[in-house]
Amino acid sequence: MSIIGWVRLQIEPVDIQLENDDTLLLSAVQSAIPGAHGIYYVEDEQKKAFRYDASTGRKKLVSDS
């Protein structure tokens, strides 16, 4: 059996709870979307990956200012 092409699947929006310190845990993303290994957003028509702190697995979503 050979691969003849690819299909892009986009899932519906999912609500994922933030932690008390306004961070998003990668494990929470993986719990809602099994197999996820990261998330991205679109800015100026370009995909940009969120960067996680590898030691904590957290992504800060709200600015500290």
PDB file of N, CA and C in Angstrom:
ATOM      1  N   MET A   1       0.846  -1.177   0.000  1.00  0.00           N
ATOM      2  CA  MET A   1       0.000   0.000   0.000  1.00  0.00           C
ATOM      3  C   MET A   1       0.888   1.236   0.000  1.00  0.00           C
ATOM      4  N   SER A   2       0.677   2.117  -0.944  1.00  0.00           N
ATOM      5  CA  SER A   2       1.483   3.337  -0.997  1.00  0.00           C
ATOM      6  C   SER A   2       0.617   4.558  -0.702  1.00  0.00           C
ATOM      7  N   ILE A   3       1.260   5.584  -0.205  1.00  0.00           N
ATOM      8  CA  ILE A   3       0.563   6.837   0.097  1.00  0.00           C
ATOM      9  C   ILE A   3       0.388   7.611  -1.200  1.00  0.00           C
ATOM     10  N   ILE A   4      -0.853   8.041  -1.466  1.00  0.00           N
ATOM     11  CA  ILE A   4      -1.096   8.773  -2.709  1.00  0.00           C
ATOM     12  C   ILE A   4      -1.335  10.261  -2.480  1.00  0.00           C
ATOM     13  N   GLY A   5      -1.427  10.684  -1.240  1.00  0.00           N
ATOM     14  CA  GLY A   5      -1.637  12.107  -0.961  1.00  0.00           C
ATOM     15  C   GLY A   5      -1.936  12.345   0.505  1.00  0.00           C
ATOM     16  N   TRP A   6      -2.284  13.567   0.804  1.00  0.00           N
ATOM     17  CA  TRP A   6      -2.554  13.974   2.178  1.00  0.00           C
ATOM     18  C   TRP A   6      -3.864  14.741   2.241  1.00  0.00           C
ATOM     19  N   VAL A   7      -4.476  14.749   3.399  1.00  0.00           N
ATOM     20  CA  VAL A   7      -5.692  15.505   3.661  1.00  0.00           C
ATOM     21  C   VAL A   7      -5.458  16.326   4.917  1.00  0.00           C
ATOM     22  N   ARG A   8      -5.838  17.591   4.882  1.00  0.00           N
ATOM     23  CA  ARG A   8      -5.718  18.432   6.077  1.00  0.00           C
ATOM     24  C   ARG A   8      -7.047  18.385   6.824  1.00  0.00           C
ATOM     25  N   LEU A   9      -7.002  18.013   8.095  1.00  0.00           N
ATOM     26  CA  LEU A   9      -8.187  17.983   8.946  1.00  0.00           C
ATOM     27  C   LEU A   9      -8.074  19.096   9.971  1.00  0.00           C
ATOM     28  N   GLN A  10      -9.117  19.862  10.114  1.00  0.00           N
ATOM     29  CA  GLN A  10      -9.143  20.895  11.140  1.00  0.00           C
ATOM     30  C   GLN A  10     -10.280  20.565  12.084  1.00  0.00           C
ATOM     31  N   ILE A  11      -9.951  20.545  13.366  1.00  0.00           N
ATOM     32  CA  ILE A  11     -10.985  20.209  14.343  1.00  0.00           C
ATOM     33  C   ILE A  11     -11.715  21.469  14.783  1.00  0.00           C
ATOM     34  N   GLU A  12     -12.871  21.244  15.344  1.00  0.00           N
ATOM     35  CA  GLU A  12     -13.659  22.369  15.826  1.00  0.00           C
ATOM     36  C   GLU A  12     -12.961  23.028  17.011  1.00  0.00           C
ATOM     37  N   PRO A  13     -13.291  24.288  17.295  1.00  0.00           N
ATOM     38  CA  PRO A  13     -12.684  24.968  18.447  1.00  0.00           C
ATOM     39  C   PRO A  13     -12.941  24.195  19.742  1.00  0.00           C
ATOM     40  N   VAL A  14     -11.958  24.201  20.615  1.00  0.00           N
ATOM     41  CA  VAL A  14     -12.027  23.487  21.886  1.00  0.00           C
ATOM     42  C   VAL A  14     -11.698  24.472  23.001  1.00  0.00           C
ATOM     43  N   ASP A  15     -12.508  24.504  24.055  1.00  0.00           N
ATOM     44  CA  ASP A  15     -12.212  25.336  25.221  1.00  0.00           C
ATOM     45  C   ASP A  15     -11.299  24.563  26.153  1.00  0.00           C
ATOM     46  N   ILE A  16     -10.169  25.171  26.497  1.00  0.00           N
ATOM     47  CA  ILE A  16      -9.209  24.555  27.410  1.00  0.00           C
ATOM     48  C   ILE A  16      -8.977  25.536  28.549  1.00  0.00           C
ATOM     49  N   GLN A  17      -9.152  25.053  29.762  1.00  0.00           N
ATOM     50  CA  GLN A  17      -9.048  25.905  30.941  1.00  0.00           C
ATOM     51  C   GLN A  17      -7.610  26.353  31.175  1.00  0.00           C
ATOM     52  N   LEU A  18      -7.449  27.643  31.514  1.00  0.00           N
ATOM     53  CA  LEU A  18      -6.142  28.176  31.882  1.00  0.00           C
ATOM     54  C   LEU A  18      -5.876  27.883  33.350  1.00  0.00           C
ATOM     55  N   GLU A  19      -4.614  27.871  33.707  1.00  0.00           N
ATOM     56  CA  GLU A  19      -4.221  27.717  35.101  1.00  0.00           C
ATOM     57  C   GLU A  19      -4.453  29.041  35.835  1.00  0.00           C
ATOM     58  N   ASN A  20      -4.323  29.043  37.157  1.00  0.00           N
ATOM     59  CA  ASN A  20      -4.533  30.252  37.964  1.00  0.00           C
ATOM     60  C   ASN A  20      -3.587  31.386  37.595  1.00  0.00           C
ATOM     61  N   ASP A  21      -2.414  31.056  37.066  1.00  0.00           N
ATOM     62  CA  ASP A  21      -1.437  32.087  36.692  1.00  0.00           C
ATOM     63  C   ASP A  21      -1.525  32.454  35.209  1.00  0.00           C
ATOM     64  N   ASP A  22      -2.667  32.168  34.581  1.00  0.00           N
ATOM     65  CA  ASP A  22      -2.930  32.483  33.168  1.00  0.00           C
ATOM     66  C   ASP A  22      -1.998  31.764  32.204  1.00  0.00           C
ATOM     67  N   THR A  23      -1.534  30.582  32.561  1.00  0.00           N
ATOM     68  CA  THR A  23      -0.732  29.784  31.644  1.00  0.00           C
ATOM     69  C   THR A  23      -1.578  28.650  31.092  1.00  0.00           C
ATOM     70  N   LEU A  24      -1.138  28.139  29.970  1.00  0.00           N
ATOM     71  CA  LEU A  24      -1.792  27.010  29.321  1.00  0.00           C
ATOM     72  C   LEU A  24      -0.830  25.834  29.380  1.00  0.00           C
ATOM     73  N   LEU A  25      -1.260  24.742  29.971  1.00  0.00           N
ATOM     74  CA  LEU A  25      -0.413  23.559  30.063  1.00  0.00           C
ATOM     75  C   LEU A  25      -0.506  22.744  28.778  1.00  0.00           C
ATOM     76  N   LEU A  26       0.641  22.329  28.263  1.00  0.00           N
ATOM     77  CA  LEU A  26       0.641  21.475  27.084  1.00  0.00           C
ATOM     78  C   LEU A  26      -0.132  20.195  27.377  1.00  0.00           C
ATOM     79  N   SER A  27      -0.037  19.690  28.597  1.00  0.00           N
ATOM     80  CA  SER A  27      -0.775  18.472  28.953  1.00  0.00           C
ATOM     81  C   SER A  27      -2.286  18.693  28.869  1.00  0.00           C
ATOM     82  N   ALA A  28      -2.759  19.916  29.137  1.00  0.00           N
ATOM     83  CA  ALA A  28      -4.186  20.218  29.004  1.00  0.00           C
ATOM     84  C   ALA A  28      -4.594  20.194  27.535  1.00  0.00           C
ATOM     85  N   VAL A  29      -3.727  20.717  26.671  1.00  0.00           N
ATOM     86  CA  VAL A  29      -3.988  20.662  25.228  1.00  0.00           C
ATOM     87  C   VAL A  29      -4.037  19.207  24.778  1.00  0.00           C
ATOM     88  N   GLN A  30      -3.071  18.413  25.237  1.00  0.00           N
ATOM     89  CA  GLN A  30      -3.011  17.001  24.851  1.00  0.00           C
ATOM     90  C   GLN A  30      -4.197  16.218  25.395  1.00  0.00           C
ATOM     91  N   SER A  31      -4.730  16.624  26.527  1.00  0.00           N
ATOM     92  CA  SER A  31      -5.906  15.961  27.085  1.00  0.00           C
ATOM     93  C   SER A  31      -7.141  16.226  26.221  1.00  0.00           C
ATOM     94  N   ALA A  32      -7.257  17.453  25.724  1.00  0.00           N
ATOM     95  CA  ALA A  32      -8.402  17.812  24.880  1.00  0.00           C
ATOM     96  C   ALA A  32      -8.237  17.327  23.449  1.00  0.00           C
ATOM     97  N   ILE A  33      -6.982  17.262  22.997  1.00  0.00           N
ATOM     98  CA  ILE A  33      -6.691  16.870  21.615  1.00  0.00           C
ATOM     99  C   ILE A  33      -5.604  15.792  21.659  1.00  0.00           C
ATOM    100  N   PRO A  34      -5.981  14.529  21.815  1.00  0.00           N
ATOM    101  CA  PRO A  34      -4.988  13.456  21.909  1.00  0.00           C
ATOM    102  C   PRO A  34      -4.026  13.468  20.721  1.00  0.00           C
ATOM    103  N   GLY A  35      -2.748  13.331  21.030  1.00  0.00           N
ATOM    104  CA  GLY A  35      -1.731  13.318  19.983  1.00  0.00           C
ATOM    105  C   GLY A  35      -1.164  14.687  19.662  1.00  0.00           C
ATOM    106  N   ALA A  36      -1.731  15.749  20.250  1.00  0.00           N
ATOM    107  CA  ALA A  36      -1.219  17.098  19.985  1.00  0.00           C
ATOM    108  C   ALA A  36       0.203  17.227  20.513  1.00  0.00           C
ATOM    109  N   HIS A  37       1.029  17.938  19.779  1.00  0.00           N
ATOM    110  CA  HIS A  37       2.394  18.170  20.247  1.00  0.00           C
ATOM    111  C   HIS A  37       2.730  19.653  20.247  1.00  0.00           C
ATOM    112  N   GLY A  38       1.746  20.491  20.019  1.00  0.00           N
ATOM    113  CA  GLY A  38       1.918  21.937  20.050  1.00  0.00           C
ATOM    114  C   GLY A  38       0.705  22.617  19.450  1.00  0.00           C
ATOM    115  N   ILE A  39       0.714  23.945  19.504  1.00  0.00           N
ATOM    116  CA  ILE A  39      -0.359  24.712  18.881  1.00  0.00           C
ATOM    117  C   ILE A  39       0.254  25.888  18.144  1.00  0.00           C
ATOM    118  N   TYR A  40      -0.504  26.440  17.220  1.00  0.00           N
ATOM    119  CA  TYR A  40      -0.021  27.600  16.480  1.00  0.00           C
ATOM    120  C   TYR A  40      -1.154  28.603  16.314  1.00  0.00           C
ATOM    121  N   TYR A  41      -0.775  29.803  15.948  1.00  0.00           N
ATOM    122  CA  TYR A  41      -1.742  30.844  15.642  1.00  0.00           C
ATOM    123  C   TYR A  41      -1.353  31.460  14.305  1.00  0.00           C
ATOM    124  N   VAL A  42      -2.253  32.235  13.720  1.00  0.00           N
ATOM    125  CA  VAL A  42      -1.975  32.872  12.435  1.00  0.00           C
ATOM    126  C   VAL A  42      -1.864  34.377  12.655  1.00  0.00           C
ATOM    127  N   GLU A  43      -0.758  34.952  12.188  1.00  0.00           N
ATOM    128  CA  GLU A  43      -0.536  36.390  12.272  1.00  0.00           C
ATOM    129  C   GLU A  43       0.023  36.855  10.940  1.00  0.00           C
ATOM    130  N   ASP A  44      -0.564  37.878  10.363  1.00  0.00           N
ATOM    131  CA  ASP A  44      -0.135  38.377   9.053  1.00  0.00           C
ATOM    132  C   ASP A  44      -0.085  37.257   8.021  1.00  0.00           C
ATOM    133  N   GLU A  45      -1.107  36.400   8.060  1.00  0.00           N
ATOM    134  CA  GLU A  45      -1.241  35.282   7.120  1.00  0.00           C
ATOM    135  C   GLU A  45      -0.089  34.273   7.200  1.00  0.00           C
ATOM    136  N   GLN A  46       0.592  34.220   8.336  1.00  0.00           N
ATOM    137  CA  GLN A  46       1.663  33.237   8.551  1.00  0.00           C
ATOM    138  C   GLN A  46       1.373  32.445   9.812  1.00  0.00           C
ATOM    139  N   LYS A  47       1.637  31.143   9.759  1.00  0.00           N
ATOM    140  CA  LYS A  47       1.514  30.298  10.946  1.00  0.00           C
ATOM    141  C   LYS A  47       2.707  30.553  11.855  1.00  0.00           C
ATOM    142  N   LYS A  48       2.425  30.718  13.151  1.00  0.00           N
ATOM    143  CA  LYS A  48       3.489  30.886  14.136  1.00  0.00           C
ATOM    144  C   LYS A  48       3.203  29.942  15.294  1.00  0.00           C
ATOM    145  N   ALA A  49       4.195  29.183  15.680  1.00  0.00           N
ATOM    146  CA  ALA A  49       4.025  28.207  16.758  1.00  0.00           C
ATOM    147  C   ALA A  49       4.156  28.889  18.114  1.00  0.00           C
ATOM    148  N   PHE A  50       3.293  28.480  19.065  1.00  0.00           N
ATOM    149  CA  PHE A  50       3.482  28.900  20.444  1.00  0.00           C
ATOM    150  C   PHE A  50       4.704  28.181  20.979  1.00  0.00           C
ATOM    151  N   ARG A  51       5.486  28.864  21.759  1.00  0.00           N
ATOM    152  CA  ARG A  51       6.659  28.236  22.366  1.00  0.00           C
ATOM    153  C   ARG A  51       6.342  27.916  23.828  1.00  0.00           C
ATOM    154  N   TYR A  52       6.697  26.714  24.211  1.00  0.00           N
ATOM    155  CA  TYR A  52       6.473  26.253  25.577  1.00  0.00           C
ATOM    156  C   TYR A  52       7.785  26.214  26.335  1.00  0.00           C
ATOM    157  N   ASP A  53       7.701  26.431  27.638  1.00  0.00           N
ATOM    158  CA  ASP A  53       8.847  26.240  28.517  1.00  0.00           C
ATOM    159  C   ASP A  53       8.969  24.734  28.735  1.00  0.00           C
ATOM    160  N   ALA A  54      10.027  24.142  28.233  1.00  0.00           N
ATOM    161  CA  ALA A  54      10.181  22.688  28.297  1.00  0.00           C
ATOM    162  C   ALA A  54      10.260  22.173  29.733  1.00  0.00           C
ATOM    163  N   SER A  55      10.749  22.992  30.658  1.00  0.00           N
ATOM    164  CA  SER A  55      10.886  22.520  32.035  1.00  0.00           C
ATOM    165  C   SER A  55       9.549  22.508  32.776  1.00  0.00           C
ATOM    166  N   THR A  56       8.605  23.355  32.355  1.00  0.00           N
ATOM    167  CA  THR A  56       7.314  23.404  33.046  1.00  0.00           C
ATOM    168  C   THR A  56       6.150  22.962  32.173  1.00  0.00           C
ATOM    169  N   GLY A  57       6.341  22.955  30.842  1.00  0.00           N
ATOM    170  CA  GLY A  57       5.246  22.610  29.938  1.00  0.00           C
ATOM    171  C   GLY A  57       4.184  23.686  29.858  1.00  0.00           C
ATOM    172  N   ARG A  58       4.548  24.920  30.210  1.00  0.00           N
ATOM    173  CA  ARG A  58       3.579  26.012  30.253  1.00  0.00           C
ATOM    174  C   ARG A  58       3.833  27.047  29.166  1.00  0.00           C
ATOM    175  N   LYS A  59       2.754  27.682  28.750  1.00  0.00           N
ATOM    176  CA  LYS A  59       2.816  28.796  27.813  1.00  0.00           C
ATOM    177  C   LYS A  59       2.065  29.957  28.432  1.00  0.00           C
ATOM    178  N   LYS A  60       2.743  31.082  28.604  1.00  0.00           N
ATOM    179  CA  LYS A  60       2.095  32.271  29.147  1.00  0.00           C
ATOM    180  C   LYS A  60       1.274  32.922  28.050  1.00  0.00           C
ATOM    181  N   LEU A  61      -0.025  33.129  28.283  1.00  0.00           N
ATOM    182  CA  LEU A  61      -0.906  33.698  27.272  1.00  0.00           C
ATOM    183  C   LEU A  61      -1.231  35.162  27.513  1.00  0.00           C
ATOM    184  N   VAL A  62      -1.075  35.641  28.734  1.00  0.00           N
ATOM    185  CA  VAL A  62      -1.418  37.017  29.068  1.00  0.00           C
ATOM    186  C   VAL A  62      -0.141  37.760  29.403  1.00  0.00           C
ATOM    187  N   SER A  63       0.001  38.983  28.881  1.00  0.00           N
ATOM    188  CA  SER A  63       1.236  39.740  29.128  1.00  0.00           C
ATOM    189  C   SER A  63       1.346  40.102  30.600  1.00  0.00           C
ATOM    190  N   ASP A  64       2.567  40.288  31.057  1.00  0.00           N
ATOM    191  CA  ASP A  64       2.829  40.617  32.458  1.00  0.00           C
ATOM    192  C   ASP A  64       2.664  42.104  32.745  1.00  0.00           C
ATOM    193  N   SER A  65       2.397  42.923  31.754  1.00  0.00           N
ATOM    194  CA  SER A  65       2.307  44.372  31.965  1.00  0.00           C
ATOM    195  C   SER A  65       0.998  44.779  32.604  1.00  0.00           C
TER     196      SER A  65
END
